[in-house]
Each structure stands twice: as C-alpha cells, then as structure tokens.
Amino acid sequence: MSLSSARNYALRAAKSQDQKEAAELLSKAILELALAIETTEAKVKKINKSS
C-alpha cells in the first residue's frame, strides 16, 4: 500500500517478457496507487476536520 510498491510493480512489468505477467503486474501497480491515494485522502480529510 505504497507508492514505492506501485513503482516496483510497474518497473517489473516494464522488464517482463511475458505479456500476461506484465498485465498482472500493472494491475497490481494500479491497485497500489489507488490504495495510496485513498490513504492520502483519508489523512487530508482528518487534518481538515481537526483544523
């Protein structure tokens, strides 16, 4: 659940010779990015509520 995990998945996908594996890795990268965005949004909302 981090940007570095998403980056690592994307880099592995770029290096993959197998299209199916690359697609799976990119899918994982997208999910990691979505989770990171959701986490960030939750933190921002919490900060805004406490202000």
Protein backbone atom coordinates (compact mmCIF):
# COMPACT_ATOMS: atom_id res chain seq x y z
CA MET A 1 0.00 0.00 0.00
CA SER A 2 2.62 2.49 -1.03
CA LEU A 3 3.90 4.42 -3.97
CA SER A 4 7.19 2.53 -3.88
CA SER A 5 5.34 -0.78 -4.20
CA ALA A 6 3.41 0.57 -7.18
CA ARG A 7 6.67 1.76 -8.74
CA ASN A 8 8.31 -1.62 -8.22
CA TYR A 9 5.37 -3.44 -9.83
CA ALA A 10 5.46 -1.06 -12.79
CA LEU A 11 9.22 -1.48 -13.24
CA ARG A 12 8.88 -5.27 -13.12
CA ALA A 13 6.08 -5.07 -15.69
CA ALA A 14 8.24 -2.97 -17.99
CA LYS A 15 11.02 -5.57 -17.84
CA SER A 16 8.72 -8.57 -18.24
CA GLN A 17 8.88 -10.53 -21.48
CA ASP A 18 5.53 -12.19 -20.77
CA GLN A 19 2.52 -10.04 -21.64
CA LYS A 20 0.23 -11.82 -19.19
CA GLU A 21 2.70 -11.33 -16.34
CA ALA A 22 3.19 -7.68 -17.34
CA ALA A 23 -0.56 -7.08 -17.31
CA GLU A 24 -0.86 -8.67 -13.86
CA LEU A 25 1.99 -6.56 -12.53
CA LEU A 26 0.47 -3.38 -13.95
CA SER A 27 -2.83 -4.33 -12.39
CA LYS A 28 -1.11 -4.67 -9.02
CA ALA A 29 0.60 -1.32 -9.57
CA ILE A 30 -2.74 0.35 -10.24
CA LEU A 31 -4.26 -1.17 -7.11
CA GLU A 32 -1.31 0.02 -5.04
CA LEU A 33 -1.70 3.53 -6.44
CA ALA A 34 -5.42 3.53 -5.69
CA LEU A 35 -4.78 2.43 -2.11
CA ALA A 36 -2.10 5.09 -1.67
CA ILE A 37 -4.48 7.75 -2.97
CA GLU A 38 -7.26 6.59 -0.65
CA THR A 39 -4.89 6.64 2.31
CA THR A 40 -3.72 10.14 1.45
CA GLU A 41 -7.29 11.37 1.02
CA ALA A 42 -8.24 9.96 4.43
CA LYS A 43 -5.28 11.71 6.04
CA VAL A 44 -6.16 15.02 4.37
CA LYS A 45 -9.80 14.75 5.48
CA LYS A 46 -8.68 14.02 9.04
CA ILE A 47 -6.36 17.02 9.03
CA ASN A 48 -9.08 19.26 7.60
CA LYS A 49 -11.58 18.14 10.24
CA SER A 50 -9.14 18.86 13.07
CA SER A 51 -8.37 22.36 11.77
